[in-house]
Amino acid sequence: MEIKDRKAVPPPGKRGDIARTYFYMDWAYPGHGIISKKNRKLFKAWDKEEPVDAWECERCRRIEGIQGNENPFVKGKCVERGIWRH
């Protein structure tokens, strides 16, 4: 993580993961204002720039197995890419 002009700048390879985590938190805890309008636009761009990878899908699958709930922002993209293991 790098800090530029008092702003956190995550490395390019992690931005999509961060965006999808925020989307999930905003969805799971509605009404808490987790994502601002400005950040929603940024996170959408990050999500497109850095797609899910095999590890993110595996991590999501493991969390789902333990918690019993899914993260549709990761799982859906894993299924679309054909990298979701059952």
N, C-alpha and C. Protein backbone atom coordinates (compact mmCIF):
# COMPACT_ATOMS: atom_id res chain seq x y z
N MET A 1 0.85 -1.16 0.00
CA MET A 1 0.00 0.00 0.00
C MET A 1 0.90 1.23 0.00
N GLU A 2 0.56 2.18 -0.80
CA GLU A 2 1.32 3.41 -0.89
C GLU A 2 0.41 4.57 -0.48
N ILE A 3 0.97 5.59 0.12
CA ILE A 3 0.21 6.78 0.49
C ILE A 3 0.70 7.94 -0.36
N LYS A 4 -0.22 8.56 -1.10
CA LYS A 4 0.10 9.72 -1.94
C LYS A 4 -0.88 10.83 -1.62
N ASP A 5 -0.37 11.98 -1.29
CA ASP A 5 -1.22 13.13 -0.97
C ASP A 5 -2.32 12.77 0.03
N ARG A 6 -1.93 12.06 1.07
CA ARG A 6 -2.83 11.66 2.14
C ARG A 6 -3.93 10.69 1.69
N LYS A 7 -3.71 10.01 0.56
CA LYS A 7 -4.66 9.03 0.05
C LYS A 7 -3.96 7.68 -0.08
N ALA A 8 -4.66 6.63 0.31
CA ALA A 8 -4.13 5.28 0.18
C ALA A 8 -4.27 4.83 -1.27
N VAL A 9 -3.19 4.30 -1.81
CA VAL A 9 -3.18 3.83 -3.19
C VAL A 9 -2.75 2.36 -3.18
N PRO A 10 -3.72 1.44 -3.31
CA PRO A 10 -3.36 0.03 -3.30
C PRO A 10 -2.68 -0.37 -4.61
N PRO A 11 -1.89 -1.44 -4.56
CA PRO A 11 -1.21 -1.90 -5.78
C PRO A 11 -2.24 -2.38 -6.81
N PRO A 12 -1.93 -2.22 -8.09
CA PRO A 12 -2.88 -2.61 -9.15
C PRO A 12 -3.42 -4.03 -9.04
N GLY A 13 -2.64 -4.99 -8.63
CA GLY A 13 -3.08 -6.37 -8.55
C GLY A 13 -4.07 -6.67 -7.44
N LYS A 14 -4.30 -5.71 -6.56
CA LYS A 14 -5.22 -5.92 -5.44
C LYS A 14 -6.47 -5.05 -5.50
N ARG A 15 -6.53 -4.15 -6.43
CA ARG A 15 -7.65 -3.19 -6.49
C ARG A 15 -9.00 -3.85 -6.74
N GLY A 16 -9.04 -4.84 -7.62
CA GLY A 16 -10.30 -5.55 -7.87
C GLY A 16 -10.77 -6.29 -6.63
N ASP A 17 -9.85 -6.92 -5.92
CA ASP A 17 -10.19 -7.63 -4.68
C ASP A 17 -10.79 -6.65 -3.66
N ILE A 18 -10.16 -5.49 -3.54
CA ILE A 18 -10.64 -4.48 -2.60
C ILE A 18 -12.02 -3.99 -3.00
N ALA A 19 -12.21 -3.73 -4.28
CA ALA A 19 -13.51 -3.26 -4.76
C ALA A 19 -14.61 -4.27 -4.46
N ARG A 20 -14.35 -5.54 -4.76
CA ARG A 20 -15.37 -6.56 -4.52
C ARG A 20 -15.65 -6.76 -3.03
N THR A 21 -14.65 -6.55 -2.20
CA THR A 21 -14.86 -6.62 -0.75
C THR A 21 -15.78 -5.49 -0.31
N TYR A 22 -15.54 -4.29 -0.81
CA TYR A 22 -16.41 -3.16 -0.47
C TYR A 22 -17.83 -3.37 -0.98
N PHE A 23 -17.97 -3.89 -2.21
CA PHE A 23 -19.31 -4.16 -2.74
C PHE A 23 -20.07 -5.13 -1.83
N TYR A 24 -19.36 -6.18 -1.39
CA TYR A 24 -19.98 -7.15 -0.50
C TYR A 24 -20.39 -6.50 0.82
N MET A 25 -19.51 -5.74 1.43
CA MET A 25 -19.81 -5.11 2.72
C MET A 25 -20.99 -4.14 2.59
N ASP A 26 -21.03 -3.40 1.50
CA ASP A 26 -22.13 -2.45 1.27
C ASP A 26 -23.45 -3.20 1.10
N TRP A 27 -23.39 -4.35 0.43
CA TRP A 27 -24.58 -5.19 0.20
C TRP A 27 -25.01 -5.88 1.50
N ALA A 28 -24.06 -6.40 2.25
CA ALA A 28 -24.36 -7.15 3.47
C ALA A 28 -24.83 -6.26 4.62
N TYR A 29 -24.40 -5.01 4.62
CA TYR A 29 -24.75 -4.08 5.69
C TYR A 29 -25.35 -2.80 5.10
N PRO A 30 -26.55 -2.92 4.53
CA PRO A 30 -27.17 -1.77 3.87
C PRO A 30 -27.47 -0.63 4.86
N GLY A 31 -27.47 0.57 4.32
CA GLY A 31 -27.82 1.73 5.13
C GLY A 31 -26.69 2.29 5.97
N HIS A 32 -25.51 1.72 5.86
CA HIS A 32 -24.37 2.19 6.65
C HIS A 32 -23.46 3.14 5.87
N GLY A 33 -23.78 3.41 4.62
CA GLY A 33 -22.99 4.33 3.81
C GLY A 33 -21.55 3.88 3.63
N ILE A 34 -21.36 2.62 3.38
CA ILE A 34 -20.00 2.07 3.28
C ILE A 34 -19.29 2.59 2.04
N ILE A 35 -20.01 2.75 0.93
CA ILE A 35 -19.39 3.24 -0.31
C ILE A 35 -20.04 4.56 -0.71
N SER A 36 -19.21 5.58 -0.87
CA SER A 36 -19.71 6.87 -1.36
C SER A 36 -19.93 6.78 -2.87
N LYS A 37 -20.65 7.74 -3.44
CA LYS A 37 -20.88 7.74 -4.89
C LYS A 37 -19.55 7.83 -5.65
N LYS A 38 -18.65 8.65 -5.14
CA LYS A 38 -17.34 8.82 -5.77
C LYS A 38 -16.57 7.49 -5.75
N ASN A 39 -16.55 6.83 -4.61
CA ASN A 39 -15.83 5.58 -4.51
C ASN A 39 -16.50 4.45 -5.28
N ARG A 40 -17.82 4.46 -5.39
CA ARG A 40 -18.52 3.42 -6.16
C ARG A 40 -18.02 3.44 -7.60
N LYS A 41 -17.89 4.61 -8.17
CA LYS A 41 -17.40 4.73 -9.54
C LYS A 41 -15.97 4.19 -9.65
N LEU A 42 -15.13 4.54 -8.70
CA LEU A 42 -13.75 4.07 -8.67
C LEU A 42 -13.70 2.55 -8.53
N PHE A 43 -14.50 2.01 -7.61
CA PHE A 43 -14.50 0.57 -7.38
C PHE A 43 -15.02 -0.20 -8.60
N LYS A 44 -15.97 0.35 -9.31
CA LYS A 44 -16.45 -0.30 -10.54
C LYS A 44 -15.33 -0.40 -11.56
N ALA A 45 -14.55 0.67 -11.66
CA ALA A 45 -13.42 0.65 -12.59
C ALA A 45 -12.38 -0.38 -12.15
N TRP A 46 -12.08 -0.43 -10.86
CA TRP A 46 -11.12 -1.41 -10.34
C TRP A 46 -11.60 -2.83 -10.59
N ASP A 47 -12.89 -3.06 -10.40
CA ASP A 47 -13.47 -4.39 -10.60
C ASP A 47 -13.28 -4.84 -12.05
N LYS A 48 -13.46 -3.93 -13.00
CA LYS A 48 -13.28 -4.26 -14.42
C LYS A 48 -11.81 -4.46 -14.77
N GLU A 49 -10.94 -3.62 -14.20
CA GLU A 49 -9.52 -3.67 -14.52
C GLU A 49 -8.84 -4.94 -14.04
N GLU A 50 -9.27 -5.43 -12.88
CA GLU A 50 -8.59 -6.58 -12.28
C GLU A 50 -9.62 -7.66 -11.97
N PRO A 51 -9.82 -8.60 -12.89
CA PRO A 51 -10.83 -9.64 -12.68
C PRO A 51 -10.44 -10.62 -11.57
N VAL A 52 -11.40 -11.42 -11.14
CA VAL A 52 -11.14 -12.45 -10.13
C VAL A 52 -10.09 -13.42 -10.65
N ASP A 53 -9.32 -13.96 -9.73
CA ASP A 53 -8.35 -14.99 -10.09
C ASP A 53 -8.69 -16.26 -9.31
N ALA A 54 -7.94 -17.31 -9.57
CA ALA A 54 -8.24 -18.60 -8.95
C ALA A 54 -8.18 -18.53 -7.43
N TRP A 55 -7.20 -17.80 -6.88
CA TRP A 55 -7.09 -17.72 -5.42
C TRP A 55 -8.28 -16.98 -4.81
N GLU A 56 -8.71 -15.88 -5.42
CA GLU A 56 -9.85 -15.14 -4.88
C GLU A 56 -11.10 -16.02 -4.88
N CYS A 57 -11.26 -16.82 -5.92
CA CYS A 57 -12.41 -17.74 -5.99
C CYS A 57 -12.32 -18.82 -4.92
N GLU A 58 -11.14 -19.37 -4.73
CA GLU A 58 -10.95 -20.41 -3.72
C GLU A 58 -11.20 -19.84 -2.32
N ARG A 59 -10.68 -18.66 -2.07
CA ARG A 59 -10.88 -18.00 -0.78
C ARG A 59 -12.37 -17.77 -0.52
N CYS A 60 -13.07 -17.29 -1.54
CA CYS A 60 -14.51 -17.06 -1.44
C CYS A 60 -15.24 -18.37 -1.14
N ARG A 61 -14.85 -19.44 -1.82
CA ARG A 61 -15.48 -20.74 -1.62
C ARG A 61 -15.27 -21.23 -0.19
N ARG A 62 -14.06 -21.06 0.32
CA ARG A 62 -13.77 -21.48 1.70
C ARG A 62 -14.58 -20.67 2.72
N ILE A 63 -14.64 -19.37 2.53
CA ILE A 63 -15.41 -18.53 3.44
C ILE A 63 -16.88 -18.92 3.41
N GLU A 64 -17.40 -19.16 2.21
CA GLU A 64 -18.80 -19.59 2.08
C GLU A 64 -19.03 -20.89 2.84
N GLY A 65 -18.09 -21.82 2.75
CA GLY A 65 -18.22 -23.09 3.45
C GLY A 65 -18.24 -22.94 4.96
N ILE A 66 -17.46 -22.01 5.47
CA ILE A 66 -17.39 -21.79 6.91
C ILE A 66 -18.58 -20.95 7.41
N GLN A 67 -18.86 -19.85 6.73
CA GLN A 67 -19.91 -18.93 7.18
C GLN A 67 -21.31 -19.35 6.75
N GLY A 68 -21.39 -20.03 5.62
CA GLY A 68 -22.70 -20.45 5.13
C GLY A 68 -23.40 -19.41 4.26
N ASN A 69 -22.74 -18.30 3.99
CA ASN A 69 -23.31 -17.29 3.10
C ASN A 69 -22.32 -16.99 1.98
N GLU A 70 -22.85 -16.57 0.83
CA GLU A 70 -21.97 -16.34 -0.31
C GLU A 70 -21.71 -14.87 -0.55
N ASN A 71 -20.65 -14.62 -1.28
CA ASN A 71 -20.34 -13.28 -1.74
C ASN A 71 -20.65 -13.26 -3.24
N PRO A 72 -21.82 -12.74 -3.61
CA PRO A 72 -22.22 -12.79 -5.02
C PRO A 72 -21.32 -11.96 -5.94
N PHE A 73 -20.58 -11.01 -5.38
CA PHE A 73 -19.72 -10.15 -6.19
C PHE A 73 -18.45 -10.87 -6.62
N VAL A 74 -18.09 -11.91 -5.90
CA VAL A 74 -16.94 -12.72 -6.29
C VAL A 74 -17.44 -14.01 -6.95
N LYS A 75 -18.34 -14.71 -6.30
CA LYS A 75 -18.79 -16.01 -6.80
C LYS A 75 -19.36 -15.91 -8.21
N GLY A 76 -20.17 -14.92 -8.46
CA GLY A 76 -20.76 -14.76 -9.79
C GLY A 76 -19.71 -14.62 -10.88
N LYS A 77 -18.68 -13.85 -10.59
CA LYS A 77 -17.61 -13.66 -11.57
C LYS A 77 -16.77 -14.93 -11.73
N CYS A 78 -16.61 -15.68 -10.65
CA CYS A 78 -15.87 -16.95 -10.73
C CYS A 78 -16.62 -17.94 -11.61
N VAL A 79 -17.94 -18.01 -11.41
CA VAL A 79 -18.78 -18.90 -12.22
C VAL A 79 -18.70 -18.49 -13.68
N GLU A 80 -18.83 -17.18 -13.95
CA GLU A 80 -18.77 -16.67 -15.32
C GLU A 80 -17.45 -17.07 -16.00
N ARG A 81 -16.36 -17.01 -15.27
CA ARG A 81 -15.04 -17.33 -15.83
C ARG A 81 -14.75 -18.81 -15.83
N GLY A 82 -15.63 -19.61 -15.25
CA GLY A 82 -15.44 -21.06 -15.23
C GLY A 82 -14.38 -21.52 -14.27
N ILE A 83 -14.14 -20.73 -13.19
CA ILE A 83 -13.11 -21.12 -12.23
C ILE A 83 -13.69 -21.33 -10.83
N TRP A 84 -14.99 -21.58 -10.74
CA TRP A 84 -15.61 -21.88 -9.44
C TRP A 84 -15.60 -23.38 -9.23
N ARG A 85 -14.97 -23.83 -8.15
CA ARG A 85 -14.94 -25.25 -7.80
C ARG A 85 -16.08 -25.54 -6.84
N HIS A 86 -16.76 -26.63 -7.05
CA HIS A 86 -17.86 -27.01 -6.15
C HIS A 86 -17.38 -27.91 -5.06
